[in-house]
Amino acid sequence: MNLFEGRRIAVVDDERLNQEMLEEYLTRNGAEVELFSSAEDALKGLESIEVDAVVTDIKLGGMSGIELLRSLRVRYPELPVLLMTAYGTIESAVAAMYEGAFYYLTKPFKLKEFGVLINRALEHSHLVAENDRLKRELSAHTNSHGIIGGSFKMRDILSLIDTVAPTSSNVLVLGESGTGKEMVARAIHQKSLRAEGPFVTVNCAAMPEGLIESELFGHVRGSFTGAIKDYRGKFETADNGTILLDEVSEMPLTLQPKLLRVIQEREYFRVGSSDVRKANVRVIATSNRNLEEEVSAGHFRQDLYFRLNVIPLQLPPLRDRKEDIQDLSLHFVNRYAAECKKDIKGITEEAFGVLLSYSWPGNVRELENAIERAVVLSTTGELEKKHFQHLLGSSLQTQSNPLSGTSGISLHDLEKKHILATLSANNNNRTRTAEVLDISIRTLRNKLNEYRADGSFIDDRDDTDLGE
């Protein structure tokens, strides 16, 4: 079996017998071998020859193997270098690894052991090269914001980011769950005049209702049970920077007037204090809901909506910008292949066909999860159609008419039927279900508690379990 087929390896050793032994072993296993008798010759030769790995003796006639390693690390930082010596000491081993040697071998060594280490070095070299290729492929569609996508819709979004970022205006980022609203908010902050200041995120859907005011504005010692010391709120922490109110539609009505005041007047009070504090903060809010509908339903204050909606920015769902799926997929392959230390070359055309045909109700976040899962499960050099088989079999994807057989059912019961069916289709994973339904975890939890109370939903899980 040709273990090293198509790979080129440089051997640096001033003993001819050692050169011949290693050359014979490597060529027998499919490698091309470049022989050098000194470190100086190797450095000169490698200027015109590309190799996948270097094997060098430490004790050479002129420049030592350690010195050669140092030079190679400067010129070719990702090139794996294996050092060998018949004068093995702890000191030289430590020095070799400190200088960045891929591995250290003491003569005499078994050729089988040598082959295993060379194979690892070549795998490392190939993975680095493949990651560089993927990065180059993505560079054309990756911008200074870190947002990936060359579609017309995303170009419009990126243009808007560049336009609004230098201003101090409030921005409302709208879009379905998983479309990248927080990433857009961070890009606005990074391009703004406040980029050197803090970027503070407040998840309005996740904070306990009784503690939201304290979290936002802080409190003074003794203002309530458990307030054992003064506490800085998020607005104070974000001073001279940006605060992101994530899923602001979940903000309780009782707190919305105080949020309106800090946005409008740029001042607030800590809980339990009458001292006015100034808020030098830019506000960016996100929502996966239609806030105009929330206002009409009485769930959100109209004046607060107007204050937040100075500059609206609507993110398209992934299904409406499928031309970005390939670039996004390659980006995630690159990321998770590196994390998992796997040599993944890319994605087959057949697999891309599956990704393009799927509707992605969870948007970019769902695509990322699918790619991560595929990389973890892959045992080959490419992600294949079989790695995305679960998408083909998704009941949410193939369901052609979700309202069939529902005539004569009340709107309340129809909603219940749809929520419970979606929960079942997602194996009772509440986080995933909330994303698909485009509602918050808190809303889903309240609905399930309601269904449990009327006996239509049986679940032995704790009420606080989010099902993530």
Protein backbone atom coordinates (compact mmCIF):
# COMPACT_ATOMS: atom_id res chain seq x y z
CA MET A 1 0.00 0.00 0.00
CA ASN A 2 1.40 3.43 -1.01
CA LEU A 3 1.00 5.38 2.22
CA PHE A 4 2.64 8.53 0.90
CA GLU A 5 1.46 8.51 -2.72
CA GLY A 6 1.91 11.88 -4.42
CA ARG A 7 3.66 13.51 -1.42
CA ARG A 8 7.14 15.03 -1.46
CA ILE A 9 9.42 14.75 1.57
CA ALA A 10 12.81 16.39 2.18
CA VAL A 11 15.45 14.38 4.07
CA VAL A 12 18.40 16.29 5.52
CA ASP A 13 21.26 14.08 6.81
CA ASP A 14 25.03 14.17 6.31
CA GLU A 15 25.36 10.39 6.63
CA ARG A 16 24.84 8.72 3.23
CA LEU A 17 23.75 5.40 4.73
CA ASN A 18 20.90 7.05 6.66
CA GLN A 19 19.86 8.99 3.56
CA GLU A 20 19.63 5.82 1.48
CA MET A 21 17.70 3.92 4.14
CA LEU A 22 15.05 6.62 4.52
CA GLU A 23 14.89 7.26 0.76
CA GLU A 24 14.31 3.58 0.04
CA TYR A 25 11.53 3.33 2.66
CA LEU A 26 9.75 6.50 1.59
CA THR A 27 9.90 5.84 -2.17
CA ARG A 28 8.75 2.24 -1.61
CA ASN A 29 5.65 3.76 0.01
CA GLY A 30 4.93 6.15 -2.84
CA ALA A 31 6.67 9.38 -1.78
CA GLU A 32 8.98 11.59 -3.83
CA VAL A 33 12.16 12.25 -1.86
CA GLU A 34 14.50 15.25 -1.96
CA LEU A 35 17.90 14.55 -0.36
CA PHE A 36 20.14 17.21 1.21
CA SER A 37 23.46 16.70 3.00
CA SER A 38 23.42 20.00 4.91
CA ALA A 39 20.98 22.50 6.36
CA GLU A 40 22.38 25.20 4.07
CA ASP A 41 21.68 23.08 0.96
CA ALA A 42 18.17 22.32 2.23
CA LEU A 43 17.28 26.00 2.73
CA LYS A 44 18.54 26.85 -0.76
CA GLY A 45 16.80 23.88 -2.37
CA LEU A 46 13.47 24.50 -0.68
CA GLU A 47 13.33 27.97 -2.24
CA SER A 48 12.43 26.31 -5.56
CA ILE A 49 10.91 23.01 -4.39
CA GLU A 50 7.64 22.59 -2.49
CA VAL A 51 7.62 19.74 0.02
CA ASP A 52 4.96 18.38 2.38
CA ALA A 53 7.34 17.57 5.26
CA VAL A 54 10.98 17.78 6.29
CA VAL A 55 12.99 15.12 8.16
CA THR A 56 16.32 16.36 9.46
CA ASP A 57 19.13 15.14 11.66
CA ILE A 58 20.00 17.49 14.54
CA LYS A 59 23.79 17.01 14.33
CA LEU A 60 24.94 18.25 10.91
CA GLY A 61 28.29 19.45 9.61
CA GLY A 62 27.50 23.18 9.58
CA MET A 63 24.16 24.66 10.63
CA SER A 64 22.43 22.29 13.08
CA GLY A 65 19.01 20.73 12.66
CA ILE A 66 17.66 23.01 15.41
CA GLU A 67 18.90 26.07 13.51
CA LEU A 68 17.39 24.69 10.31
CA LEU A 69 14.10 24.24 12.15
CA ARG A 70 14.16 27.88 13.29
CA SER A 71 14.72 29.10 9.73
CA LEU A 72 11.99 26.86 8.31
CA ARG A 73 9.51 28.05 10.95
CA VAL A 74 10.09 31.63 9.79
CA ARG A 75 9.87 30.89 6.06
CA TYR A 76 7.27 28.10 6.08
CA PRO A 77 5.46 28.30 9.46
CA GLU A 78 3.00 25.48 8.70
CA LEU A 79 5.56 23.01 7.28
CA PRO A 80 5.91 19.99 9.62
CA VAL A 81 9.53 19.23 10.58
CA LEU A 82 10.65 15.96 12.24
CA LEU A 83 14.00 15.94 14.02
CA MET A 84 16.25 12.89 14.52
CA THR A 85 19.43 12.38 16.44
CA ALA A 86 21.59 9.65 17.85
CA TYR A 87 22.48 11.95 20.73
CA GLY A 88 19.10 12.12 22.39
CA THR A 89 18.93 14.13 25.57
CA ILE A 90 16.08 15.69 27.49
CA GLU A 91 17.56 19.14 26.80
CA SER A 92 17.64 18.72 23.04
CA ALA A 93 14.14 17.20 23.01
CA VAL A 94 12.74 20.15 24.94
CA ALA A 95 14.58 22.58 22.66
CA ALA A 96 13.22 20.85 19.56
CA MET A 97 9.60 20.93 20.70
CA TYR A 98 9.96 24.52 21.94
CA GLU A 99 11.15 25.58 18.51
CA GLY A 100 8.07 24.01 16.92
CA ALA A 101 9.22 20.55 15.81
CA PHE A 102 6.35 18.32 14.75
CA TYR A 103 8.03 15.36 16.45
CA TYR A 104 11.35 14.23 17.85
CA LEU A 105 12.96 10.85 17.12
CA THR A 106 15.98 9.28 18.80
CA LYS A 107 18.14 6.94 16.69
CA PRO A 108 17.92 4.06 16.27
CA PHE A 109 14.17 3.92 15.52
CA LYS A 110 11.94 1.42 13.77
CA LEU A 111 10.88 2.30 10.24
CA LYS A 112 7.29 1.37 11.07
CA GLU A 113 7.28 3.96 13.87
CA PHE A 114 8.90 6.46 11.51
CA GLY A 115 6.19 5.79 8.92
CA VAL A 116 3.38 6.45 11.40
CA LEU A 117 4.89 9.81 12.34
CA ILE A 118 5.48 10.80 8.72
CA ASN A 119 1.88 9.92 7.92
CA ARG A 120 0.65 12.16 10.75
CA ALA A 121 2.86 14.99 9.52
CA LEU A 122 1.52 14.63 5.98
CA GLU A 123 -2.08 14.60 7.24
CA HIS A 124 -1.34 17.82 9.14
CA SER A 125 0.23 19.39 6.06
CA HIS A 126 -2.71 18.42 3.86
CA LEU A 127 -5.26 19.72 6.36
CA VAL A 128 -3.48 23.09 6.54
CA ALA A 129 -3.36 23.33 2.75
CA GLU A 130 -7.03 22.40 2.41
CA ASN A 131 -8.07 24.95 5.03
CA ASP A 132 -6.11 27.61 3.15
CA ARG A 133 -7.90 26.63 -0.07
CA LEU A 134 -11.31 26.88 1.59
CA LYS A 135 -10.42 30.27 3.03
CA ARG A 136 -9.37 31.50 -0.41
CA GLU A 137 -12.62 30.25 -1.94
CA LEU A 138 -14.61 32.06 0.72
CA SER A 139 -12.62 35.28 0.62
CA ALA A 140 -14.47 36.53 -2.45
CA HIS A 141 -17.76 36.43 -0.55
CA THR A 142 -16.56 37.23 2.96
CA ASN A 143 -16.53 40.88 3.86
CA SER A 144 -15.05 43.03 6.59
CA HIS A 145 -18.15 42.42 8.71
CA GLY A 146 -17.46 38.67 8.92
CA ILE A 147 -20.86 38.11 7.28
CA ILE A 148 -20.85 35.57 4.47
CA GLY A 149 -23.02 36.01 1.41
CA GLY A 150 -22.77 37.48 -2.08
CA SER A 151 -26.47 37.42 -2.96
CA PHE A 152 -28.19 40.66 -3.98
CA LYS A 153 -30.24 40.68 -0.78
CA MET A 154 -27.16 40.34 1.41
CA ARG A 155 -25.32 43.01 -0.56
CA ASP A 156 -28.16 45.38 0.24
CA ILE A 157 -27.87 44.46 3.93
CA LEU A 158 -24.11 45.05 3.92
CA SER A 159 -24.58 48.40 2.19
CA LEU A 160 -27.10 49.41 4.85
CA ILE A 161 -24.68 48.40 7.61
CA ASP A 162 -21.99 50.65 6.11
CA THR A 163 -24.48 53.51 5.83
CA VAL A 164 -26.02 53.39 9.32
CA ALA A 165 -22.99 52.29 11.36
CA PRO A 166 -21.26 55.71 11.65
CA THR A 167 -24.48 57.37 12.90
CA SER A 168 -25.85 57.29 16.45
CA SER A 169 -29.38 56.31 15.36
CA ASN A 170 -31.21 53.38 16.94
CA VAL A 171 -31.51 50.33 14.69
CA LEU A 172 -34.18 47.62 14.67
CA VAL A 173 -32.96 44.37 13.11
CA LEU A 174 -35.85 42.11 12.11
CA GLY A 175 -35.79 38.54 10.85
CA GLU A 176 -36.64 34.94 11.60
CA SER A 177 -34.71 32.99 14.23
CA GLY A 178 -31.31 31.91 12.97
CA THR A 179 -30.90 34.57 10.27
CA GLY A 180 -27.94 36.24 11.98
CA LYS A 181 -29.50 39.27 13.66
CA GLU A 182 -26.90 39.43 16.42
CA MET A 183 -24.06 39.17 13.89
CA VAL A 184 -25.49 42.15 12.01
CA ALA A 185 -25.79 44.09 15.27
CA ARG A 186 -22.13 43.35 16.07
CA ALA A 187 -21.10 44.44 12.58
CA ILE A 188 -22.90 47.78 13.05
CA HIS A 189 -21.09 48.27 16.37
CA GLN A 190 -17.69 47.33 14.92
CA LYS A 191 -18.11 49.81 12.05
CA SER A 192 -19.39 52.58 14.31
CA LEU A 193 -17.62 55.41 16.12
CA ARG A 194 -18.25 53.44 19.33
CA ALA A 195 -16.24 50.41 18.18
CA GLU A 196 -13.69 50.87 20.97
CA GLY A 197 -16.49 50.81 23.55
CA PRO A 198 -18.30 47.75 24.95
CA PHE A 199 -20.89 45.71 23.08
CA VAL A 200 -23.40 44.37 25.64
CA THR A 201 -26.11 41.85 24.79
CA VAL A 202 -29.37 41.53 26.71
CA ASN A 203 -31.49 38.46 25.92
CA CYS A 204 -34.95 39.79 26.70
CA ALA A 205 -36.55 36.36 26.29
CA ALA A 206 -34.24 34.58 28.71
CA MET A 207 -34.20 36.94 31.71
CA PRO A 208 -36.61 36.20 34.59
CA GLU A 209 -39.39 38.80 34.52
CA GLY A 210 -38.84 39.87 38.12
CA LEU A 211 -35.16 40.61 37.54
CA ILE A 212 -35.20 42.35 34.16
CA GLU A 213 -35.31 45.89 35.59
CA SER A 214 -32.36 45.20 37.87
CA GLU A 215 -30.42 43.57 35.00
CA LEU A 216 -31.01 46.55 32.73
CA PHE A 217 -30.59 49.44 35.15
CA GLY A 218 -28.80 47.95 38.18
CA HIS A 219 -29.81 48.24 41.83
CA VAL A 220 -28.52 49.56 45.13
CA ARG A 221 -27.79 47.53 48.19
CA GLY A 222 -30.90 46.70 50.24
CA SER A 223 -33.37 47.65 47.49
CA PHE A 224 -34.90 44.17 47.64
CA THR A 225 -34.35 40.80 49.30
CA GLY A 226 -31.03 39.43 48.11
CA ALA A 227 -29.60 42.80 47.06
CA ILE A 228 -26.53 42.51 49.29
CA LYS A 229 -24.44 45.01 47.32
CA ASP A 230 -24.73 47.63 44.58
CA TYR A 231 -25.08 46.18 41.08
CA ARG A 232 -24.22 47.75 37.73
CA GLY A 233 -26.89 47.15 35.11
CA LYS A 234 -26.41 46.48 31.42
CA PHE A 235 -26.93 50.11 30.40
CA GLU A 236 -24.18 51.21 32.77
CA THR A 237 -21.90 48.44 31.57
CA ALA A 238 -22.50 49.50 27.95
CA ASP A 239 -21.58 53.15 28.60
CA ASN A 240 -19.87 54.71 25.54
CA GLY A 241 -20.70 51.59 23.57
CA THR A 242 -23.66 49.68 22.17
CA ILE A 243 -26.40 47.69 23.89
CA LEU A 244 -28.23 44.97 21.98
CA LEU A 245 -31.78 44.26 23.15
CA ASP A 246 -32.14 40.78 21.67
CA GLU A 247 -35.75 39.69 20.99
CA VAL A 248 -37.09 42.95 22.40
CA SER A 249 -40.67 41.83 21.65
CA GLU A 250 -40.40 39.62 24.76
CA MET A 251 -39.89 42.62 27.03
CA PRO A 252 -42.76 42.71 29.60
CA LEU A 253 -45.27 45.54 29.09
CA THR A 254 -44.72 46.72 32.67
CA LEU A 255 -41.08 47.50 31.96
CA GLN A 256 -41.49 49.04 28.51
CA PRO A 257 -42.15 52.61 29.83
CA LYS A 258 -38.80 52.59 31.67
CA LEU A 259 -37.05 51.27 28.58
CA LEU A 260 -38.70 54.04 26.56
CA ARG A 261 -37.43 56.64 29.04
CA VAL A 262 -33.80 55.53 28.86
CA ILE A 263 -33.95 55.47 25.04
CA GLN A 264 -35.71 58.81 24.76
CA GLU A 265 -34.18 60.80 27.62
CA ARG A 266 -30.85 58.99 27.86
CA GLU A 267 -31.22 58.66 31.61
CA TYR A 268 -32.37 56.06 34.14
CA PHE A 269 -32.50 55.12 37.83
CA ARG A 270 -31.01 52.13 39.56
CA VAL A 271 -33.64 50.06 41.37
CA GLY A 272 -34.02 51.53 44.87
CA SER A 273 -32.27 54.79 44.02
CA SER A 274 -33.48 58.31 43.16
CA ASP A 275 -30.14 59.37 41.66
CA VAL A 276 -30.39 60.04 37.92
CA ARG A 277 -27.79 58.27 35.80
CA LYS A 278 -26.94 59.19 32.23
CA ALA A 279 -26.87 56.60 29.46
CA ASN A 280 -24.38 57.31 26.69
CA VAL A 281 -25.38 54.20 24.79
CA ARG A 282 -26.47 53.33 21.27
CA VAL A 283 -29.44 50.97 21.19
CA ILE A 284 -29.83 48.16 18.66
CA ALA A 285 -32.86 45.88 19.06
CA THR A 286 -33.77 42.62 17.33
CA SER A 287 -37.02 40.76 16.95
CA ASN A 288 -38.23 37.66 15.16
CA ARG A 289 -41.79 38.96 15.39
CA ASN A 290 -43.71 41.58 13.41
CA LEU A 291 -43.67 44.40 15.94
CA GLU A 292 -46.43 46.31 14.17
CA GLU A 293 -48.71 43.32 14.76
CA GLU A 294 -47.53 43.14 18.37
CA VAL A 295 -48.47 46.81 18.78
CA SER A 296 -51.92 46.22 17.26
CA ALA A 297 -52.44 43.25 19.60
CA GLY A 298 -51.56 45.38 22.63
CA HIS A 299 -48.40 43.41 23.43
CA PHE A 300 -45.93 46.18 22.63
CA ARG A 301 -46.03 49.95 23.18
CA GLN A 302 -46.38 51.98 20.01
CA ASP A 303 -44.16 54.83 21.25
CA LEU A 304 -41.41 52.38 22.14
CA TYR A 305 -41.72 50.77 18.72
CA PHE A 306 -41.30 54.16 17.02
CA ARG A 307 -38.22 54.93 19.14
CA LEU A 308 -36.57 51.63 18.26
CA ASN A 309 -37.61 51.63 14.62
CA VAL A 310 -35.58 54.67 13.56
CA ILE A 311 -33.67 52.54 11.05
CA PRO A 312 -35.32 49.18 10.29
CA LEU A 313 -33.18 46.43 8.81
CA GLN A 314 -35.00 43.28 7.59
CA LEU A 315 -32.88 40.14 7.21
CA PRO A 316 -34.00 37.65 4.55
CA PRO A 317 -34.52 34.00 5.53
CA LEU A 318 -32.04 31.51 4.07
CA ARG A 319 -34.68 30.06 1.75
CA ASP A 320 -34.84 33.45 0.01
CA ARG A 321 -31.09 33.66 -0.57
CA LYS A 322 -30.16 30.11 -1.51
CA GLU A 323 -27.31 31.35 -3.68
CA ASP A 324 -25.42 31.90 -0.40
CA ILE A 325 -25.79 28.30 0.79
CA GLN A 326 -22.61 27.06 -0.90
CA ASP A 327 -20.38 29.78 0.55
CA LEU A 328 -21.93 29.38 4.01
CA SER A 329 -21.55 25.60 3.87
CA LEU A 330 -17.88 25.76 2.89
CA HIS A 331 -17.28 28.26 5.68
CA PHE A 332 -18.79 25.90 8.25
CA VAL A 333 -16.93 22.90 6.79
CA ASN A 334 -13.68 24.82 7.18
CA ARG A 335 -14.49 25.78 10.77
CA TYR A 336 -15.62 22.39 12.04
CA ALA A 337 -13.04 20.37 10.11
CA ALA A 338 -10.35 22.41 11.85
CA GLU A 339 -12.05 22.03 15.24
CA CYS A 340 -12.43 18.27 14.80
CA LYS A 341 -8.96 17.96 13.22
CA LYS A 342 -10.43 16.21 10.19
CA ASP A 343 -9.26 16.32 6.58
CA ILE A 344 -12.52 17.30 4.84
CA LYS A 345 -12.03 18.41 1.22
CA GLY A 346 -15.52 19.79 0.71
CA ILE A 347 -19.07 18.72 -0.15
CA THR A 348 -20.15 16.55 -3.07
CA GLU A 349 -22.49 17.96 -5.73
CA GLU A 350 -25.14 15.43 -4.73
CA ALA A 351 -24.96 16.62 -1.12
CA PHE A 352 -25.19 20.25 -2.25
CA GLY A 353 -28.34 19.28 -4.11
CA VAL A 354 -29.90 18.20 -0.81
CA LEU A 355 -28.84 21.44 0.90
CA LEU A 356 -30.30 23.54 -1.91
CA SER A 357 -33.61 21.67 -1.99
CA TYR A 358 -34.22 21.95 1.76
CA SER A 359 -36.29 24.92 3.01
CA TRP A 360 -34.16 25.64 6.14
CA PRO A 361 -36.85 26.74 8.61
CA GLY A 362 -34.08 27.28 11.17
CA ASN A 363 -32.11 29.40 8.67
CA VAL A 364 -28.30 29.83 8.89
CA ARG A 365 -28.17 28.42 12.42
CA GLU A 366 -29.81 25.19 11.24
CA LEU A 367 -27.41 24.98 8.28
CA GLU A 368 -24.46 25.40 10.62
CA ASN A 369 -25.75 22.65 12.90
CA ALA A 370 -26.29 20.34 9.91
CA ILE A 371 -22.73 20.91 8.66
CA GLU A 372 -21.24 20.40 12.13
CA ARG A 373 -23.16 17.13 12.49
CA ALA A 374 -21.98 15.96 9.06
CA VAL A 375 -18.33 16.80 9.79
CA VAL A 376 -18.45 14.93 13.10
CA LEU A 377 -19.98 11.83 11.47
CA SER A 378 -17.87 11.88 8.30
CA THR A 379 -15.20 9.22 7.84
CA THR A 380 -14.26 10.28 4.30
CA GLY A 381 -12.68 13.32 2.68
CA GLU A 382 -15.97 14.84 1.57
CA LEU A 383 -19.42 15.39 3.03
CA GLU A 384 -21.86 13.21 1.12
CA LYS A 385 -25.60 12.98 0.57
CA LYS A 386 -25.89 10.33 3.28
CA HIS A 387 -24.68 12.85 5.86
CA PHE A 388 -27.80 14.95 5.22
CA GLN A 389 -30.30 12.11 4.95
CA HIS A 390 -32.19 13.43 7.98
CA LEU A 391 -33.08 16.55 5.99
CA LEU A 392 -34.65 14.48 3.23
CA GLY A 393 -36.79 12.63 5.76
CA SER A 394 -37.87 15.70 7.74
CA SER A 395 -41.60 15.77 8.26
CA LEU A 396 -41.38 19.56 8.43
CA GLN A 397 -39.77 19.63 4.99
CA THR A 398 -42.12 17.25 3.20
CA GLN A 399 -45.38 18.34 4.78
CA SER A 400 -47.26 19.80 1.80
CA ASN A 401 -50.40 21.05 3.50
CA PRO A 402 -50.15 21.59 7.24
CA LEU A 403 -53.80 22.71 7.42
CA SER A 404 -55.30 19.61 5.85
CA GLY A 405 -58.06 18.07 7.94
CA THR A 406 -58.45 21.12 10.19
CA SER A 407 -61.79 22.49 8.95
CA GLY A 408 -64.24 23.03 11.80
CA ILE A 409 -61.44 23.37 14.40
CA SER A 410 -61.26 26.55 16.47
CA LEU A 411 -58.24 28.83 16.04
CA HIS A 412 -57.10 27.99 19.60
CA ASP A 413 -57.26 24.24 18.96
CA LEU A 414 -55.59 24.66 15.58
CA GLU A 415 -52.71 26.47 17.22
CA LYS A 416 -52.46 23.76 19.87
CA LYS A 417 -52.48 21.02 17.24
CA HIS A 418 -49.74 22.73 15.24
CA ILE A 419 -47.50 23.41 18.26
CA LEU A 420 -47.78 19.84 19.60
CA ALA A 421 -47.23 18.35 16.13
CA THR A 422 -44.12 20.48 15.64
CA LEU A 423 -42.84 19.50 19.09
CA SER A 424 -43.32 15.82 18.23
CA ALA A 425 -41.63 16.22 14.84
CA ASN A 426 -38.60 17.66 16.61
CA ASN A 427 -38.36 14.81 19.14
CA ASN A 428 -39.62 17.06 21.96
CA ASN A 429 -36.66 19.41 21.59
CA ARG A 430 -38.16 22.68 22.76
CA THR A 431 -35.38 24.95 21.58
CA ARG A 432 -35.60 23.57 18.04
CA THR A 433 -39.42 23.68 18.16
CA ALA A 434 -39.40 27.34 19.20
CA GLU A 435 -37.06 28.18 16.32
CA VAL A 436 -39.25 26.40 13.76
CA LEU A 437 -42.42 28.03 15.12
CA ASP A 438 -40.65 31.39 15.20
CA ILE A 439 -41.61 32.01 18.84
CA SER A 440 -39.55 32.47 21.98
CA ILE A 441 -38.73 29.70 24.43
CA ARG A 442 -40.74 31.56 27.06
CA THR A 443 -43.85 31.64 24.82
CA LEU A 444 -43.52 27.94 24.01
CA ARG A 445 -43.12 27.07 27.69
CA ASN A 446 -46.26 29.05 28.58
CA LYS A 447 -48.24 27.31 25.84
CA LEU A 448 -47.15 23.86 26.99
CA ASN A 449 -48.01 24.69 30.60
CA GLU A 450 -51.49 25.71 29.38
CA TYR A 451 -51.91 22.46 27.44
CA ARG A 452 -50.66 20.46 30.42
CA ALA A 453 -53.26 22.15 32.63
CA ASP A 454 -56.16 21.22 30.33
CA GLY A 455 -54.89 17.64 30.00
CA SER A 456 -54.04 17.77 26.30
CA PHE A 457 -50.30 17.55 26.88
CA ILE A 458 -48.54 15.07 29.14
CA ASP A 459 -44.91 15.65 29.98
CA ASP A 460 -42.86 14.51 32.95
CA ARG A 461 -40.22 17.15 32.50
CA ASP A 462 -39.64 20.00 34.92
CA ASP A 463 -41.37 23.26 33.94
CA THR A 464 -38.08 25.10 33.83
CA ASP A 465 -36.48 22.64 31.41
CA LEU A 466 -35.98 24.39 28.08
CA GLY A 467 -35.32 21.15 26.26
CA GLU A 468 -32.05 22.27 24.75
